[in-house]
N, C-alpha and C. Protein backbone atom coordinates (compact mmCIF):
# COMPACT_ATOMS: atom_id res chain seq x y z
N MET A 1 -34.51 -67.26 37.08
CA MET A 1 -33.32 -66.83 37.79
C MET A 1 -33.40 -67.34 39.23
N ARG A 2 -32.32 -67.87 39.69
CA ARG A 2 -32.29 -68.51 41.00
C ARG A 2 -32.52 -67.51 42.14
N ILE A 3 -31.84 -66.37 42.10
CA ILE A 3 -31.99 -65.37 43.18
C ILE A 3 -32.80 -64.20 42.62
N LYS A 4 -34.09 -64.21 42.92
CA LYS A 4 -35.03 -63.26 42.31
C LYS A 4 -34.70 -61.79 42.60
N GLU A 5 -34.13 -61.48 43.78
CA GLU A 5 -33.86 -60.07 44.09
C GLU A 5 -32.72 -59.50 43.24
N LYS A 6 -31.99 -60.36 42.52
CA LYS A 6 -30.94 -59.88 41.62
C LYS A 6 -31.45 -59.65 40.19
N GLU A 7 -32.66 -60.11 39.93
CA GLU A 7 -33.21 -60.01 38.58
C GLU A 7 -33.66 -58.59 38.26
N ILE A 8 -33.39 -58.18 37.03
CA ILE A 8 -33.88 -56.91 36.48
C ILE A 8 -34.93 -57.27 35.45
N THR A 9 -36.16 -56.86 35.70
CA THR A 9 -37.24 -57.27 34.80
C THR A 9 -37.76 -56.14 33.92
N ASP A 10 -37.57 -54.88 34.33
CA ASP A 10 -38.14 -53.80 33.52
C ASP A 10 -37.19 -53.48 32.36
N ILE A 11 -37.77 -53.22 31.20
CA ILE A 11 -37.00 -52.99 29.98
C ILE A 11 -36.12 -51.76 30.10
N LYS A 12 -36.54 -50.74 30.84
CA LYS A 12 -35.70 -49.54 30.99
C LYS A 12 -34.40 -49.86 31.71
N GLY A 13 -34.47 -50.69 32.74
CA GLY A 13 -33.27 -51.11 33.45
C GLY A 13 -32.36 -51.94 32.58
N ILE A 14 -32.94 -52.80 31.79
CA ILE A 14 -32.17 -53.62 30.86
C ILE A 14 -31.52 -52.74 29.79
N GLU A 15 -32.28 -51.80 29.23
CA GLU A 15 -31.74 -50.92 28.20
C GLU A 15 -30.65 -50.01 28.74
N GLU A 16 -30.73 -49.62 30.00
CA GLU A 16 -29.68 -48.80 30.61
C GLU A 16 -28.34 -49.55 30.60
N ILE A 17 -28.38 -50.83 30.89
CA ILE A 17 -27.17 -51.65 30.87
C ILE A 17 -26.64 -51.75 29.43
N ILE A 18 -27.51 -52.03 28.49
CA ILE A 18 -27.08 -52.17 27.09
C ILE A 18 -26.48 -50.85 26.60
N THR A 19 -27.12 -49.74 26.92
CA THR A 19 -26.64 -48.43 26.48
C THR A 19 -25.26 -48.11 27.03
N LYS A 20 -24.98 -48.52 28.26
CA LYS A 20 -23.67 -48.25 28.87
C LYS A 20 -22.59 -49.23 28.43
N ALA A 21 -22.97 -50.37 27.91
CA ALA A 21 -22.00 -51.41 27.52
C ALA A 21 -21.19 -50.97 26.31
N LYS A 22 -19.97 -51.46 26.23
CA LYS A 22 -19.10 -51.18 25.09
C LYS A 22 -18.88 -52.39 24.20
N VAL A 23 -19.20 -53.58 24.72
CA VAL A 23 -18.99 -54.82 23.98
C VAL A 23 -20.21 -55.72 24.16
N CYS A 24 -20.59 -56.37 23.10
CA CYS A 24 -21.60 -57.43 23.16
C CYS A 24 -20.87 -58.74 22.89
N ARG A 25 -21.10 -59.70 23.74
CA ARG A 25 -20.55 -61.03 23.50
C ARG A 25 -21.64 -61.84 22.80
N LEU A 26 -21.30 -62.30 21.62
CA LEU A 26 -22.25 -62.99 20.77
C LEU A 26 -21.89 -64.47 20.73
N ALA A 27 -22.82 -65.31 21.17
CA ALA A 27 -22.60 -66.75 21.18
C ALA A 27 -23.45 -67.41 20.11
N MET A 28 -22.84 -68.34 19.41
CA MET A 28 -23.53 -69.07 18.36
C MET A 28 -23.06 -70.51 18.40
N SER A 29 -23.67 -71.35 17.60
CA SER A 29 -23.29 -72.77 17.63
C SER A 29 -23.51 -73.39 16.27
N LEU A 30 -22.61 -74.30 15.93
CA LEU A 30 -22.75 -75.07 14.70
C LEU A 30 -22.27 -76.48 14.98
N ASN A 31 -23.10 -77.45 14.65
CA ASN A 31 -22.77 -78.86 14.86
C ASN A 31 -22.37 -79.14 16.31
N ASP A 32 -23.14 -78.59 17.24
CA ASP A 32 -22.91 -78.77 18.67
C ASP A 32 -21.56 -78.21 19.14
N CYS A 33 -20.99 -77.30 18.39
CA CYS A 33 -19.73 -76.67 18.78
C CYS A 33 -19.99 -75.18 19.04
N PRO A 34 -19.89 -74.73 20.30
CA PRO A 34 -20.16 -73.32 20.60
C PRO A 34 -19.01 -72.42 20.15
N TYR A 35 -19.36 -71.16 19.88
CA TYR A 35 -18.39 -70.16 19.46
C TYR A 35 -18.87 -68.81 19.99
N VAL A 36 -17.99 -68.09 20.69
CA VAL A 36 -18.34 -66.79 21.27
C VAL A 36 -17.34 -65.76 20.77
N VAL A 37 -17.86 -64.59 20.36
CA VAL A 37 -16.99 -63.50 19.93
C VAL A 37 -17.48 -62.19 20.54
N PRO A 38 -16.54 -61.31 20.90
CA PRO A 38 -16.93 -59.96 21.31
C PRO A 38 -17.14 -59.12 20.06
N VAL A 39 -18.21 -58.35 20.01
CA VAL A 39 -18.50 -57.51 18.85
C VAL A 39 -18.90 -56.11 19.27
N CYS A 40 -18.59 -55.15 18.39
CA CYS A 40 -19.15 -53.81 18.53
C CYS A 40 -20.60 -53.92 18.08
N PHE A 41 -21.44 -53.08 18.64
CA PHE A 41 -22.87 -53.23 18.39
C PHE A 41 -23.57 -51.89 18.50
N GLY A 42 -24.82 -51.89 18.11
CA GLY A 42 -25.72 -50.78 18.34
C GLY A 42 -27.06 -51.35 18.79
N TYR A 43 -27.81 -50.55 19.53
CA TYR A 43 -29.10 -51.02 20.03
C TYR A 43 -30.13 -49.92 19.88
N LYS A 44 -31.27 -50.28 19.32
CA LYS A 44 -32.37 -49.33 19.21
C LYS A 44 -33.66 -50.10 19.00
N ASP A 45 -34.71 -49.67 19.70
CA ASP A 45 -36.05 -50.24 19.52
C ASP A 45 -36.05 -51.76 19.67
N GLU A 46 -35.34 -52.24 20.68
CA GLU A 46 -35.28 -53.66 21.02
C GLU A 46 -34.70 -54.53 19.92
N ILE A 47 -33.80 -53.95 19.13
CA ILE A 47 -33.05 -54.68 18.11
C ILE A 47 -31.57 -54.37 18.30
N ILE A 48 -30.74 -55.41 18.21
CA ILE A 48 -29.29 -55.26 18.30
C ILE A 48 -28.73 -55.35 16.88
N TYR A 49 -27.82 -54.42 16.55
CA TYR A 49 -27.20 -54.40 15.24
C TYR A 49 -25.70 -54.64 15.40
N PHE A 50 -25.11 -55.34 14.44
CA PHE A 50 -23.67 -55.45 14.39
C PHE A 50 -23.25 -55.64 12.94
N HIS A 51 -21.97 -55.52 12.70
CA HIS A 51 -21.46 -55.64 11.33
C HIS A 51 -20.26 -56.58 11.32
N SER A 52 -19.92 -57.02 10.13
CA SER A 52 -18.76 -57.89 9.99
C SER A 52 -18.25 -57.83 8.56
N ALA A 53 -17.08 -58.44 8.37
CA ALA A 53 -16.59 -58.67 7.02
C ALA A 53 -17.51 -59.71 6.38
N LYS A 54 -17.37 -59.86 5.09
CA LYS A 54 -18.24 -60.80 4.38
C LYS A 54 -17.82 -62.26 4.56
N LYS A 55 -16.60 -62.49 5.06
CA LYS A 55 -16.12 -63.85 5.26
C LYS A 55 -15.57 -64.00 6.66
N GLY A 56 -15.63 -65.23 7.16
CA GLY A 56 -15.07 -65.54 8.46
C GLY A 56 -15.90 -66.58 9.17
N LYS A 57 -15.37 -67.06 10.27
CA LYS A 57 -16.03 -68.13 11.01
C LYS A 57 -17.42 -67.72 11.50
N LYS A 58 -17.53 -66.51 12.04
CA LYS A 58 -18.82 -66.03 12.53
C LYS A 58 -19.86 -66.02 11.41
N VAL A 59 -19.46 -65.53 10.25
CA VAL A 59 -20.36 -65.47 9.10
C VAL A 59 -20.77 -66.88 8.67
N ASP A 60 -19.80 -67.78 8.60
CA ASP A 60 -20.09 -69.16 8.20
C ASP A 60 -21.11 -69.79 9.14
N ILE A 61 -20.93 -69.58 10.44
CA ILE A 61 -21.85 -70.17 11.41
C ILE A 61 -23.24 -69.55 11.29
N LEU A 62 -23.30 -68.22 11.28
CA LEU A 62 -24.60 -67.55 11.27
C LEU A 62 -25.40 -67.80 9.99
N LYS A 63 -24.71 -68.07 8.90
CA LYS A 63 -25.43 -68.40 7.67
C LYS A 63 -26.10 -69.76 7.77
N GLN A 64 -25.56 -70.63 8.61
CA GLN A 64 -26.13 -71.97 8.77
C GLN A 64 -27.06 -72.09 9.97
N ASN A 65 -26.81 -71.27 10.98
CA ASN A 65 -27.64 -71.32 12.20
C ASN A 65 -27.74 -69.89 12.74
N ASN A 66 -28.88 -69.27 12.54
CA ASN A 66 -29.02 -67.86 12.93
C ASN A 66 -29.46 -67.67 14.38
N LYS A 67 -29.56 -68.74 15.15
CA LYS A 67 -29.93 -68.62 16.57
C LYS A 67 -28.70 -68.22 17.38
N VAL A 68 -28.87 -67.18 18.22
CA VAL A 68 -27.75 -66.68 19.01
C VAL A 68 -28.15 -66.42 20.46
N CYS A 69 -27.15 -66.33 21.28
CA CYS A 69 -27.27 -65.83 22.64
C CYS A 69 -26.34 -64.63 22.72
N PHE A 70 -26.73 -63.60 23.44
CA PHE A 70 -25.89 -62.41 23.57
C PHE A 70 -25.79 -62.00 25.03
N GLU A 71 -24.70 -61.28 25.35
CA GLU A 71 -24.46 -60.89 26.74
C GLU A 71 -23.79 -59.53 26.77
N PHE A 72 -24.21 -58.70 27.73
CA PHE A 72 -23.61 -57.40 28.01
C PHE A 72 -23.32 -57.35 29.51
N ASP A 73 -22.24 -56.68 29.91
CA ASP A 73 -22.03 -56.48 31.35
C ASP A 73 -21.30 -55.16 31.59
N ILE A 74 -21.62 -54.54 32.73
CA ILE A 74 -21.06 -53.24 33.09
C ILE A 74 -20.85 -53.17 34.61
N ASP A 75 -20.23 -52.09 35.04
CA ASP A 75 -20.09 -51.73 36.46
C ASP A 75 -19.48 -52.85 37.30
N HIS A 76 -18.37 -53.39 36.81
CA HIS A 76 -17.67 -54.45 37.53
C HIS A 76 -16.93 -53.88 38.73
N GLU A 77 -17.03 -54.56 39.83
CA GLU A 77 -16.32 -54.12 41.03
C GLU A 77 -16.02 -55.36 41.88
N LEU A 78 -14.74 -55.62 42.10
CA LEU A 78 -14.32 -56.76 42.89
C LEU A 78 -14.67 -56.52 44.36
N VAL A 79 -15.25 -57.52 45.00
CA VAL A 79 -15.58 -57.45 46.42
C VAL A 79 -14.62 -58.39 47.14
N GLU A 80 -13.73 -57.80 47.95
CA GLU A 80 -12.73 -58.58 48.68
C GLU A 80 -13.24 -58.93 50.07
N SER A 81 -12.64 -59.95 50.67
CA SER A 81 -13.01 -60.38 52.00
C SER A 81 -11.82 -61.09 52.65
N GLU A 82 -11.88 -61.22 53.94
CA GLU A 82 -10.84 -61.97 54.66
C GLU A 82 -10.92 -63.46 54.33
N LYS A 83 -12.11 -63.94 54.01
CA LYS A 83 -12.31 -65.35 53.68
C LYS A 83 -12.45 -65.50 52.17
N GLY A 84 -11.75 -66.48 51.63
CA GLY A 84 -11.77 -66.71 50.18
C GLY A 84 -13.16 -66.96 49.64
N CYS A 85 -13.98 -67.66 50.40
CA CYS A 85 -15.33 -67.99 49.92
C CYS A 85 -16.25 -66.78 49.89
N ASN A 86 -15.85 -65.67 50.50
CA ASN A 86 -16.69 -64.48 50.54
C ASN A 86 -16.31 -63.43 49.50
N TRP A 87 -15.30 -63.71 48.69
CA TRP A 87 -14.97 -62.81 47.60
C TRP A 87 -16.10 -62.87 46.57
N GLY A 88 -16.27 -61.81 45.85
CA GLY A 88 -17.32 -61.80 44.84
C GLY A 88 -17.11 -60.67 43.85
N MET A 89 -18.15 -60.39 43.09
CA MET A 89 -18.10 -59.35 42.08
C MET A 89 -19.44 -58.64 42.03
N ASN A 90 -19.40 -57.33 42.12
CA ASN A 90 -20.58 -56.52 41.84
C ASN A 90 -20.62 -56.30 40.33
N PHE A 91 -21.81 -56.32 39.75
CA PHE A 91 -21.94 -56.15 38.31
C PHE A 91 -23.40 -55.95 37.96
N LYS A 92 -23.61 -55.55 36.72
CA LYS A 92 -24.92 -55.54 36.09
C LYS A 92 -24.75 -56.21 34.74
N SER A 93 -25.69 -57.07 34.37
CA SER A 93 -25.55 -57.79 33.11
C SER A 93 -26.91 -58.03 32.46
N VAL A 94 -26.85 -58.32 31.18
CA VAL A 94 -28.03 -58.67 30.38
C VAL A 94 -27.66 -59.88 29.54
N ILE A 95 -28.55 -60.84 29.52
CA ILE A 95 -28.39 -62.01 28.65
C ILE A 95 -29.70 -62.19 27.89
N GLY A 96 -29.57 -62.54 26.63
CA GLY A 96 -30.77 -62.76 25.83
C GLY A 96 -30.54 -63.74 24.70
N PHE A 97 -31.64 -64.05 24.04
CA PHE A 97 -31.63 -64.98 22.92
C PHE A 97 -32.39 -64.35 21.76
N GLY A 98 -31.99 -64.70 20.56
CA GLY A 98 -32.69 -64.19 19.39
C GLY A 98 -32.19 -64.85 18.13
N LYS A 99 -32.59 -64.26 17.01
CA LYS A 99 -32.18 -64.75 15.70
C LYS A 99 -31.58 -63.59 14.90
N THR A 100 -30.53 -63.91 14.14
CA THR A 100 -29.87 -62.89 13.33
C THR A 100 -30.41 -62.92 11.91
N TYR A 101 -30.43 -61.73 11.31
CA TYR A 101 -30.87 -61.59 9.92
C TYR A 101 -29.97 -60.57 9.23
N PHE A 102 -29.63 -60.85 7.97
CA PHE A 102 -28.88 -59.89 7.16
C PHE A 102 -29.73 -58.67 6.87
N ILE A 103 -29.09 -57.54 6.77
CA ILE A 103 -29.73 -56.33 6.25
C ILE A 103 -29.10 -56.07 4.89
N GLU A 104 -29.87 -56.14 3.84
CA GLU A 104 -29.35 -56.04 2.47
C GLU A 104 -29.52 -54.63 1.87
N ASN A 105 -30.66 -53.99 2.18
CA ASN A 105 -30.98 -52.69 1.60
C ASN A 105 -29.95 -51.65 2.03
N PRO A 106 -29.33 -50.92 1.07
CA PRO A 106 -28.29 -49.94 1.42
C PRO A 106 -28.74 -48.86 2.41
N GLU A 107 -29.98 -48.37 2.27
CA GLU A 107 -30.47 -47.34 3.19
C GLU A 107 -30.62 -47.91 4.61
N GLU A 108 -31.12 -49.14 4.69
CA GLU A 108 -31.26 -49.79 6.00
C GLU A 108 -29.90 -50.09 6.61
N LYS A 109 -28.93 -50.48 5.75
CA LYS A 109 -27.57 -50.71 6.23
C LYS A 109 -26.99 -49.42 6.82
N GLN A 110 -27.19 -48.32 6.12
CA GLN A 110 -26.69 -47.02 6.59
C GLN A 110 -27.30 -46.69 7.95
N LYS A 111 -28.61 -46.89 8.09
CA LYS A 111 -29.27 -46.61 9.37
C LYS A 111 -28.73 -47.51 10.47
N ALA A 112 -28.52 -48.79 10.17
CA ALA A 112 -27.99 -49.72 11.17
C ALA A 112 -26.57 -49.34 11.57
N LEU A 113 -25.75 -48.96 10.60
CA LEU A 113 -24.38 -48.54 10.93
C LEU A 113 -24.38 -47.25 11.75
N ASP A 114 -25.33 -46.36 11.47
CA ASP A 114 -25.49 -45.15 12.30
C ASP A 114 -25.82 -45.53 13.74
N ILE A 115 -26.70 -46.49 13.92
CA ILE A 115 -27.08 -46.93 15.27
C ILE A 115 -25.87 -47.54 15.98
N ILE A 116 -25.07 -48.31 15.25
CA ILE A 116 -23.85 -48.88 15.84
C ILE A 116 -22.91 -47.75 16.26
N MET A 117 -22.69 -46.79 15.39
CA MET A 117 -21.77 -45.68 15.72
C MET A 117 -22.27 -44.85 16.90
N GLN A 118 -23.59 -44.69 17.03
CA GLN A 118 -24.16 -43.92 18.14
C GLN A 118 -23.89 -44.56 19.49
N GLN A 119 -23.58 -45.85 19.49
CA GLN A 119 -23.22 -46.53 20.74
C GLN A 119 -21.89 -45.99 21.28
N TYR A 120 -21.05 -45.42 20.38
CA TYR A 120 -19.69 -45.04 20.75
C TYR A 120 -19.36 -43.56 20.55
N THR A 121 -20.17 -42.84 19.78
CA THR A 121 -19.86 -41.44 19.50
C THR A 121 -21.14 -40.70 19.11
N THR A 122 -21.09 -39.38 19.21
CA THR A 122 -22.22 -38.55 18.77
C THR A 122 -22.02 -38.08 17.32
N LYS A 123 -20.89 -38.39 16.72
CA LYS A 123 -20.61 -38.01 15.34
C LYS A 123 -21.48 -38.82 14.38
N HIS A 124 -21.77 -38.22 13.22
CA HIS A 124 -22.53 -38.90 12.17
C HIS A 124 -21.59 -39.15 10.99
N PHE A 125 -21.70 -40.32 10.39
CA PHE A 125 -20.84 -40.68 9.28
C PHE A 125 -21.68 -41.10 8.08
N LYS A 126 -21.17 -40.79 6.90
CA LYS A 126 -21.78 -41.27 5.67
C LYS A 126 -20.87 -42.37 5.14
N PHE A 127 -21.42 -43.53 4.92
CA PHE A 127 -20.64 -44.67 4.45
C PHE A 127 -20.77 -44.76 2.93
N PRO A 128 -19.64 -44.69 2.22
CA PRO A 128 -19.70 -44.77 0.75
C PRO A 128 -20.30 -46.10 0.30
N ALA A 129 -20.90 -46.09 -0.88
CA ALA A 129 -21.57 -47.28 -1.42
C ALA A 129 -20.64 -48.48 -1.46
N LYS A 130 -19.38 -48.28 -1.80
CA LYS A 130 -18.43 -49.40 -1.87
C LYS A 130 -18.25 -50.03 -0.49
N GLN A 131 -18.13 -49.20 0.55
CA GLN A 131 -18.00 -49.73 1.91
C GLN A 131 -19.27 -50.47 2.33
N LEU A 132 -20.43 -49.90 2.03
CA LEU A 132 -21.69 -50.57 2.37
C LEU A 132 -21.78 -51.92 1.68
N ASN A 133 -21.35 -51.96 0.43
CA ASN A 133 -21.40 -53.21 -0.33
C ASN A 133 -20.43 -54.26 0.23
N ASN A 134 -19.31 -53.83 0.79
CA ASN A 134 -18.29 -54.76 1.30
C ASN A 134 -18.49 -55.12 2.77
N THR A 135 -19.55 -54.62 3.38
CA THR A 135 -19.80 -54.86 4.80
C THR A 135 -21.10 -55.62 4.98
N LEU A 136 -21.03 -56.67 5.78
CA LEU A 136 -22.26 -57.35 6.17
C LEU A 136 -22.83 -56.63 7.38
N VAL A 137 -24.09 -56.38 7.37
CA VAL A 137 -24.77 -55.77 8.51
C VAL A 137 -25.87 -56.74 8.92
N TRP A 138 -25.92 -57.01 10.22
CA TRP A 138 -26.83 -57.98 10.79
C TRP A 138 -27.69 -57.31 11.83
N LYS A 139 -28.83 -57.90 12.08
CA LYS A 139 -29.62 -57.47 13.22
C LYS A 139 -30.03 -58.71 14.00
N ILE A 140 -30.21 -58.52 15.28
CA ILE A 140 -30.72 -59.59 16.13
C ILE A 140 -32.13 -59.21 16.55
N ASP A 141 -33.09 -60.00 16.14
CA ASP A 141 -34.45 -59.85 16.66
C ASP A 141 -34.48 -60.60 17.99
N ILE A 142 -34.66 -59.85 19.06
CA ILE A 142 -34.62 -60.40 20.41
C ILE A 142 -35.90 -61.19 20.68
N GLU A 143 -35.73 -62.42 21.16
CA GLU A 143 -36.86 -63.26 21.51
C GLU A 143 -37.05 -63.36 23.01
N GLN A 144 -35.96 -63.26 23.75
CA GLN A 144 -36.01 -63.36 25.21
C GLN A 144 -34.83 -62.56 25.77
N ILE A 145 -35.07 -61.84 26.87
CA ILE A 145 -34.01 -61.03 27.46
C ILE A 145 -34.26 -60.89 28.96
N THR A 146 -33.17 -60.90 29.72
CA THR A 146 -33.28 -60.71 31.17
C THR A 146 -32.04 -59.97 31.66
N GLY A 147 -32.19 -59.28 32.77
CA GLY A 147 -31.09 -58.58 33.38
C GLY A 147 -30.81 -59.09 34.78
N LYS A 148 -29.59 -58.83 35.24
CA LYS A 148 -29.20 -59.25 36.58
C LYS A 148 -28.25 -58.22 37.16
N LYS A 149 -28.37 -58.00 38.47
CA LYS A 149 -27.45 -57.10 39.15
C LYS A 149 -27.02 -57.77 40.44
N SER A 150 -25.79 -57.54 40.82
CA SER A 150 -25.27 -58.07 42.05
C SER A 150 -24.51 -56.95 42.76
N GLY A 151 -24.91 -56.65 43.98
CA GLY A 151 -24.23 -55.61 44.74
C GLY A 151 -24.75 -54.21 44.53
N TYR A 152 -25.77 -54.03 43.71
CA TYR A 152 -26.32 -52.70 43.44
C TYR A 152 -27.79 -52.64 43.85
């Protein structure tokens, strides 16, 4: 990171950002063509979980190349100034890299979907077998992660 005082290195600080985030931006690539999508997610024990339909561009790409980059950001605040060059943005963010893997086992899928739902609510849901069967559940094994803050 170019400006070291903006770097967040401790995992607790990084996890605080992830826990507060509502969207994960998931970047992937196929044949040198990048593709980024916002996804709902869950995070627990240094693993990111997300789900999708069984078909679509994201699925096609991840089946061929499971390497991803992910990004979270929170606490956005525009910083205004009299001079245009002094405008900026306060924020906290996390960027990382990892590999995605399918979760096939129904019990593991249920647990992963519970972790995703816990990102957004304290309610617990039971997913019927038909829904579990019709839903792809993925996990990202994180290989590298860093945080950054500006203005905080």
